[in-house]
């Protein structure tokens, strides 16, 4: 089971990416802008959540930049 933060980020990624089976470029700011006001996340926190979703095979990433580099 996913935490509230992970589930929310996963749902937002699915909304942005859509149902097509193609890869899409999604910026961290795009996800952060859509987060509910009661769930503020930094880019570092978002990066950790995205890594967790990838490791648990909820999402597939071709490329990611480390939030610490931003």
N, C-alpha and C. Protein backbone atom coordinates (compact mmCIF):
# COMPACT_ATOMS: atom_id res chain seq x y z
N UNK A 1 0.83 -1.17 0.00
CA UNK A 1 0.00 0.00 0.00
C UNK A 1 0.89 1.25 0.00
N UNK A 2 0.45 2.25 -0.72
CA UNK A 2 1.21 3.49 -0.84
C UNK A 2 0.82 4.48 0.24
N UNK A 3 1.78 5.30 0.64
CA UNK A 3 1.49 6.39 1.56
C UNK A 3 0.63 7.43 0.83
N UNK A 4 0.05 8.34 1.59
CA UNK A 4 -0.78 9.40 1.00
C UNK A 4 0.02 10.21 -0.01
N UNK A 5 1.26 10.55 0.34
CA UNK A 5 2.10 11.34 -0.56
C UNK A 5 2.38 10.58 -1.86
N UNK A 6 2.76 9.31 -1.73
CA UNK A 6 3.05 8.51 -2.93
C UNK A 6 1.82 8.34 -3.79
N UNK A 7 0.69 8.05 -3.18
CA UNK A 7 -0.55 7.86 -3.94
C UNK A 7 -0.94 9.14 -4.67
N UNK A 8 -0.81 10.27 -3.99
CA UNK A 8 -1.15 11.56 -4.60
C UNK A 8 -0.25 11.85 -5.79
N UNK A 9 1.05 11.67 -5.63
CA UNK A 9 1.99 11.91 -6.73
C UNK A 9 1.72 10.93 -7.87
N UNK A 10 1.48 9.68 -7.56
CA UNK A 10 1.16 8.69 -8.60
C UNK A 10 -0.08 9.12 -9.38
N UNK A 11 -1.14 9.51 -8.66
CA UNK A 11 -2.37 9.94 -9.33
C UNK A 11 -2.12 11.15 -10.22
N UNK A 12 -1.32 12.10 -9.75
CA UNK A 12 -1.02 13.28 -10.57
C UNK A 12 -0.22 12.91 -11.82
N UNK A 13 0.74 12.03 -11.67
CA UNK A 13 1.52 11.58 -12.83
C UNK A 13 0.61 10.92 -13.85
N UNK A 14 -0.31 10.08 -13.38
CA UNK A 14 -1.25 9.42 -14.30
C UNK A 14 -2.14 10.44 -15.01
N UNK A 15 -2.60 11.47 -14.27
CA UNK A 15 -3.43 12.51 -14.88
C UNK A 15 -2.66 13.26 -15.96
N UNK A 16 -1.42 13.62 -15.66
CA UNK A 16 -0.61 14.39 -16.60
C UNK A 16 -0.22 13.54 -17.81
N UNK A 17 0.19 12.31 -17.56
CA UNK A 17 0.66 11.44 -18.64
C UNK A 17 -0.46 10.89 -19.50
N UNK A 18 -1.63 10.74 -18.92
CA UNK A 18 -2.75 10.18 -19.66
C UNK A 18 -2.66 8.66 -19.72
N UNK A 19 -3.55 8.08 -20.48
CA UNK A 19 -3.64 6.63 -20.56
C UNK A 19 -2.85 6.03 -21.71
N UNK A 20 -2.36 6.86 -22.62
CA UNK A 20 -1.61 6.33 -23.76
C UNK A 20 -0.32 5.69 -23.27
N UNK A 21 0.10 4.67 -23.95
CA UNK A 21 1.32 3.98 -23.55
C UNK A 21 2.52 4.57 -24.28
N UNK A 22 2.77 5.84 -24.00
CA UNK A 22 3.92 6.54 -24.55
C UNK A 22 4.62 7.25 -23.40
N UNK A 23 5.91 7.51 -23.58
CA UNK A 23 6.65 8.23 -22.56
C UNK A 23 6.40 9.72 -22.71
N UNK A 24 6.28 10.40 -21.60
CA UNK A 24 6.06 11.85 -21.61
C UNK A 24 7.06 12.50 -20.67
N UNK A 25 7.44 13.71 -21.01
CA UNK A 25 8.32 14.49 -20.15
C UNK A 25 7.44 15.28 -19.19
N UNK A 26 7.70 15.08 -17.90
CA UNK A 26 6.94 15.78 -16.86
C UNK A 26 7.94 16.49 -15.96
N UNK A 27 7.78 17.78 -15.83
CA UNK A 27 8.66 18.58 -14.98
C UNK A 27 8.19 18.49 -13.52
N UNK A 28 9.13 18.54 -12.60
CA UNK A 28 8.80 18.49 -11.17
C UNK A 28 7.85 19.63 -10.81
N UNK A 29 8.08 20.81 -11.36
CA UNK A 29 7.23 21.97 -11.06
C UNK A 29 5.78 21.73 -11.47
N UNK A 30 5.59 20.97 -12.54
CA UNK A 30 4.24 20.66 -13.02
C UNK A 30 3.49 19.81 -11.99
N UNK A 31 4.19 18.87 -11.38
CA UNK A 31 3.57 18.04 -10.35
C UNK A 31 3.34 18.87 -9.09
N UNK A 32 4.35 19.63 -8.68
CA UNK A 32 4.25 20.43 -7.46
C UNK A 32 3.10 21.44 -7.55
N UNK A 33 2.90 22.05 -8.71
CA UNK A 33 1.81 23.02 -8.90
C UNK A 33 0.44 22.38 -8.69
N UNK A 34 0.31 21.10 -8.99
CA UNK A 34 -0.98 20.42 -8.90
C UNK A 34 -1.23 19.74 -7.56
N UNK A 35 -0.26 19.78 -6.67
CA UNK A 35 -0.45 19.16 -5.36
C UNK A 35 -1.51 19.88 -4.57
N UNK A 36 -2.30 19.15 -3.79
CA UNK A 36 -3.27 19.82 -2.91
C UNK A 36 -2.55 20.73 -1.92
N UNK A 37 -3.19 21.80 -1.52
CA UNK A 37 -2.55 22.78 -0.64
C UNK A 37 -2.13 22.17 0.69
N UNK A 38 -2.80 21.12 1.13
CA UNK A 38 -2.45 20.49 2.40
C UNK A 38 -1.30 19.51 2.30
N UNK A 39 -0.72 19.39 1.11
CA UNK A 39 0.35 18.42 0.90
C UNK A 39 1.52 19.07 0.16
N UNK A 40 2.19 20.03 0.81
CA UNK A 40 3.32 20.67 0.14
C UNK A 40 4.55 19.74 0.14
N UNK A 41 5.20 19.63 -1.00
CA UNK A 41 6.41 18.82 -1.11
C UNK A 41 7.52 19.65 -1.76
N UNK A 42 8.73 19.47 -1.30
CA UNK A 42 9.87 20.10 -1.95
C UNK A 42 10.28 19.22 -3.13
N UNK A 43 11.15 19.73 -3.98
CA UNK A 43 11.64 18.93 -5.10
C UNK A 43 12.42 17.71 -4.62
N UNK A 44 13.12 17.85 -3.51
CA UNK A 44 13.87 16.72 -2.96
C UNK A 44 12.91 15.64 -2.48
N UNK A 45 11.84 16.03 -1.80
CA UNK A 45 10.84 15.07 -1.34
C UNK A 45 10.14 14.41 -2.52
N UNK A 46 9.81 15.21 -3.53
CA UNK A 46 9.16 14.68 -4.73
C UNK A 46 10.08 13.67 -5.42
N UNK A 47 11.34 13.98 -5.51
CA UNK A 47 12.30 13.07 -6.13
C UNK A 47 12.34 11.74 -5.40
N UNK A 48 12.32 11.76 -4.08
CA UNK A 48 12.33 10.53 -3.29
C UNK A 48 11.07 9.71 -3.53
N UNK A 49 9.94 10.39 -3.64
CA UNK A 49 8.67 9.70 -3.90
C UNK A 49 8.69 9.07 -5.28
N UNK A 50 9.18 9.80 -6.27
CA UNK A 50 9.24 9.26 -7.63
C UNK A 50 10.17 8.06 -7.68
N UNK A 51 11.30 8.13 -6.96
CA UNK A 51 12.20 6.97 -6.89
C UNK A 51 11.50 5.77 -6.28
N UNK A 52 10.73 6.01 -5.22
CA UNK A 52 10.00 4.91 -4.59
C UNK A 52 8.98 4.30 -5.55
N UNK A 53 8.24 5.15 -6.26
CA UNK A 53 7.28 4.64 -7.24
C UNK A 53 7.96 3.83 -8.33
N UNK A 54 9.12 4.28 -8.76
CA UNK A 54 9.89 3.55 -9.77
C UNK A 54 10.37 2.21 -9.20
N UNK A 55 10.95 2.23 -8.00
CA UNK A 55 11.46 1.01 -7.38
C UNK A 55 10.37 -0.02 -7.14
N UNK A 56 9.16 0.46 -6.85
CA UNK A 56 8.04 -0.45 -6.61
C UNK A 56 7.30 -0.79 -7.90
N UNK A 57 7.83 -0.32 -9.04
CA UNK A 57 7.32 -0.60 -10.38
C UNK A 57 5.92 -0.06 -10.65
N UNK A 58 5.60 1.08 -10.02
CA UNK A 58 4.34 1.76 -10.33
C UNK A 58 4.51 2.61 -11.58
N UNK A 59 5.73 3.14 -11.78
CA UNK A 59 6.01 3.97 -12.95
C UNK A 59 7.32 3.50 -13.57
N UNK A 60 7.52 3.86 -14.82
CA UNK A 60 8.76 3.54 -15.53
C UNK A 60 9.40 4.86 -15.95
N UNK A 61 10.68 5.00 -15.64
CA UNK A 61 11.39 6.23 -15.98
C UNK A 61 12.48 5.92 -16.99
N UNK A 62 12.60 6.75 -17.99
CA UNK A 62 13.72 6.64 -18.91
C UNK A 62 14.86 7.54 -18.49
N UNK A 63 14.50 8.66 -17.87
CA UNK A 63 15.50 9.65 -17.48
C UNK A 63 14.95 10.45 -16.33
N UNK A 64 15.81 10.77 -15.40
CA UNK A 64 15.44 11.67 -14.31
C UNK A 64 16.67 12.49 -13.92
N UNK A 65 16.44 13.72 -13.54
CA UNK A 65 17.55 14.50 -13.01
C UNK A 65 17.37 14.53 -11.51
N UNK A 66 18.44 14.55 -10.79
CA UNK A 66 18.38 14.56 -9.34
C UNK A 66 17.95 15.93 -8.86
N UNK A 67 16.98 15.98 -7.96
CA UNK A 67 16.46 17.25 -7.45
C UNK A 67 17.55 18.08 -6.77
N UNK A 68 18.55 17.43 -6.24
CA UNK A 68 19.64 18.15 -5.58
C UNK A 68 20.45 18.96 -6.58
N UNK A 69 20.38 18.59 -7.87
CA UNK A 69 21.12 19.32 -8.90
C UNK A 69 20.38 20.59 -9.33
N UNK A 70 19.08 20.70 -9.02
CA UNK A 70 18.29 21.86 -9.46
C UNK A 70 18.64 23.11 -8.71
